[in-house]
Amino acid sequence: MTQYNVLINLGKADLDDYTLLGRTLRKLGFDEMKAAQVGGDFRLMPASYRYSSDVEDMTAVRDKALRSAKSVSAGAVVLVSKV
């Protein structure tokens, strides 16, 4: 199974927008990543997720995340990387 890290920036958005995005993505199988604290203060972007799939490639994962993000904010940007 291939795992992906997905980072989403909604542009001009507030916490409610990121909360809505999180609910939407969890329904699609994305798991929200929690920040770890190592030494000092370490934080992930507000929308950091992990996604696993046997059949979807990186482009399909990006498109799925981008559709959800664009439904919240037209200025959304998505970055996907393979773990």
C-alpha atoms as a PDB file:
ATOM      1  CA  MET A   1       0.000   0.000   0.000  1.00  0.00           C
ATOM      2  CA  THR A   2       1.383   3.399  -0.976  1.00  0.00           C
ATOM      3  CA  GLN A   3       1.204   6.207   1.548  1.00  0.00           C
ATOM      4  CA  TYR A   4       1.120   9.906   0.720  1.00  0.00           C
ATOM      5  CA  ASN A   5       1.617  13.094   2.707  1.00  0.00           C
ATOM      6  CA  VAL A   6      -0.819  15.821   1.695  1.00  0.00           C
ATOM      7  CA  LEU A   7      -0.347  19.483   2.654  1.00  0.00           C
ATOM      8  CA  ILE A   8      -3.108  21.976   1.903  1.00  0.00           C
ATOM      9  CA  ASN A   9      -3.058  25.755   2.098  1.00  0.00           C
ATOM     10  CA  LEU A  10      -6.435  27.424   1.688  1.00  0.00           C
ATOM     11  CA  GLY A  11      -4.997  30.891   1.128  1.00  0.00           C
ATOM     12  CA  LYS A  12      -7.156  33.503   2.843  1.00  0.00           C
ATOM     13  CA  ALA A  13      -8.992  31.207   5.232  1.00  0.00           C
ATOM     14  CA  ASP A  14      -9.854  30.996   8.891  1.00  0.00           C
ATOM     15  CA  LEU A  15      -9.996  28.140  11.371  1.00  0.00           C
ATOM     16  CA  ASP A  16     -13.614  27.334  10.441  1.00  0.00           C
ATOM     17  CA  ASP A  17     -12.550  26.784   6.818  1.00  0.00           C
ATOM     18  CA  TYR A  18      -9.819  24.358   7.888  1.00  0.00           C
ATOM     19  CA  THR A  19     -12.274  22.575  10.187  1.00  0.00           C
ATOM     20  CA  LEU A  20     -14.698  22.114   7.279  1.00  0.00           C
ATOM     21  CA  LEU A  21     -11.871  20.885   5.070  1.00  0.00           C
ATOM     22  CA  GLY A  22     -10.806  18.374   7.729  1.00  0.00           C
ATOM     23  CA  ARG A  23     -14.318  16.945   8.038  1.00  0.00           C
ATOM     24  CA  THR A  24     -14.608  16.629   4.262  1.00  0.00           C
ATOM     25  CA  LEU A  25     -11.234  14.911   3.849  1.00  0.00           C
ATOM     26  CA  ARG A  26     -11.783  12.477   6.729  1.00  0.00           C
ATOM     27  CA  LYS A  27     -14.939  11.260   4.955  1.00  0.00           C
ATOM     28  CA  LEU A  28     -12.751  10.514   1.914  1.00  0.00           C
ATOM     29  CA  GLY A  29     -10.210   8.483   3.908  1.00  0.00           C
ATOM     30  CA  PHE A  30      -7.580  11.111   4.692  1.00  0.00           C
ATOM     31  CA  ASP A  31      -6.052  10.986   8.193  1.00  0.00           C
ATOM     32  CA  GLU A  32      -5.061  14.262   9.802  1.00  0.00           C
ATOM     33  CA  MET A  33      -1.435  14.373  10.926  1.00  0.00           C
ATOM     34  CA  LYS A  34      -0.762  15.758  14.372  1.00  0.00           C
ATOM     35  CA  ALA A  35       2.289  17.871  15.030  1.00  0.00           C
ATOM     36  CA  ALA A  36       5.040  16.422  17.168  1.00  0.00           C
ATOM     37  CA  GLN A  37       6.967  18.490  19.645  1.00  0.00           C
ATOM     38  CA  VAL A  38      10.688  17.877  19.576  1.00  0.00           C
ATOM     39  CA  GLY A  39      12.667  20.157  21.834  1.00  0.00           C
ATOM     40  CA  GLY A  40      11.091  23.488  20.962  1.00  0.00           C
ATOM     41  CA  ASP A  41       7.795  24.324  19.361  1.00  0.00           C
ATOM     42  CA  PHE A  42       7.160  22.373  16.131  1.00  0.00           C
ATOM     43  CA  ARG A  43       3.956  22.772  14.130  1.00  0.00           C
ATOM     44  CA  LEU A  44       2.658  21.366  10.879  1.00  0.00           C
ATOM     45  CA  MET A  45       0.545  23.393   8.499  1.00  0.00           C
ATOM     46  CA  PRO A  46      -3.086  23.513   9.637  1.00  0.00           C
ATOM     47  CA  ALA A  47      -4.005  21.003   6.926  1.00  0.00           C
ATOM     48  CA  SER A  48      -1.500  18.140   6.965  1.00  0.00           C
ATOM     49  CA  TYR A  49      -2.845  14.707   6.093  1.00  0.00           C
ATOM     50  CA  ARG A  50      -1.771  11.170   5.313  1.00  0.00           C
ATOM     51  CA  TYR A  51      -3.535   9.059   2.693  1.00  0.00           C
ATOM     52  CA  SER A  52      -3.034   5.384   1.785  1.00  0.00           C
ATOM     53  CA  SER A  53      -4.113   3.622  -1.392  1.00  0.00           C
ATOM     54  CA  ASP A  54      -3.455   0.421  -3.293  1.00  0.00           C
ATOM     55  CA  VAL A  55      -4.823   1.764  -6.570  1.00  0.00           C
ATOM     56  CA  GLU A  56      -4.550   5.582  -6.637  1.00  0.00           C
ATOM     57  CA  ASP A  57      -1.386   7.262  -7.833  1.00  0.00           C
ATOM     58  CA  MET A  58      -0.064  10.618  -6.659  1.00  0.00           C
ATOM     59  CA  THR A  59      -2.016  12.548  -9.299  1.00  0.00           C
ATOM     60  CA  ALA A  60      -5.320  10.925  -8.287  1.00  0.00           C
ATOM     61  CA  VAL A  61      -4.655  11.675  -4.613  1.00  0.00           C
ATOM     62  CA  ARG A  62      -3.790  15.286  -5.442  1.00  0.00           C
ATOM     63  CA  ASP A  63      -6.925  15.707  -7.535  1.00  0.00           C
ATOM     64  CA  LYS A  64      -9.130  14.250  -4.780  1.00  0.00           C
ATOM     65  CA  ALA A  65      -7.625  16.559  -2.158  1.00  0.00           C
ATOM     66  CA  LEU A  66      -7.724  19.580  -4.481  1.00  0.00           C
ATOM     67  CA  ARG A  67     -11.428  19.121  -5.295  1.00  0.00           C
ATOM     68  CA  SER A  68     -12.214  19.097  -1.577  1.00  0.00           C
ATOM     69  CA  ALA A  69      -9.970  22.080  -0.877  1.00  0.00           C
ATOM     70  CA  LYS A  70     -11.426  24.112  -3.771  1.00  0.00           C
ATOM     71  CA  SER A  71     -14.922  23.461  -2.384  1.00  0.00           C
ATOM     72  CA  VAL A  72     -13.813  25.425   0.701  1.00  0.00           C
ATOM     73  CA  SER A  73     -11.556  28.051  -0.888  1.00  0.00           C
ATOM     74  CA  ALA A  74     -10.990  28.896  -4.559  1.00  0.00           C
ATOM     75  CA  GLY A  75      -7.373  29.859  -3.770  1.00  0.00           C
ATOM     76  CA  ALA A  76      -6.449  26.440  -2.327  1.00  0.00           C
ATOM     77  CA  VAL A  77      -3.083  24.860  -3.104  1.00  0.00           C
ATOM     78  CA  VAL A  78      -2.246  21.171  -2.576  1.00  0.00           C
ATOM     79  CA  LEU A  79       1.154  19.479  -2.293  1.00  0.00           C
ATOM     80  CA  VAL A  80       1.372  15.676  -2.302  1.00  0.00           C
ATOM     81  CA  SER A  81       4.470  13.556  -1.689  1.00  0.00           C
ATOM     82  CA  LYS A  82       5.041   9.805  -1.442  1.00  0.00           C
ATOM     83  CA  VAL A  83       6.150   8.545   1.957  1.00  0.00           C
END
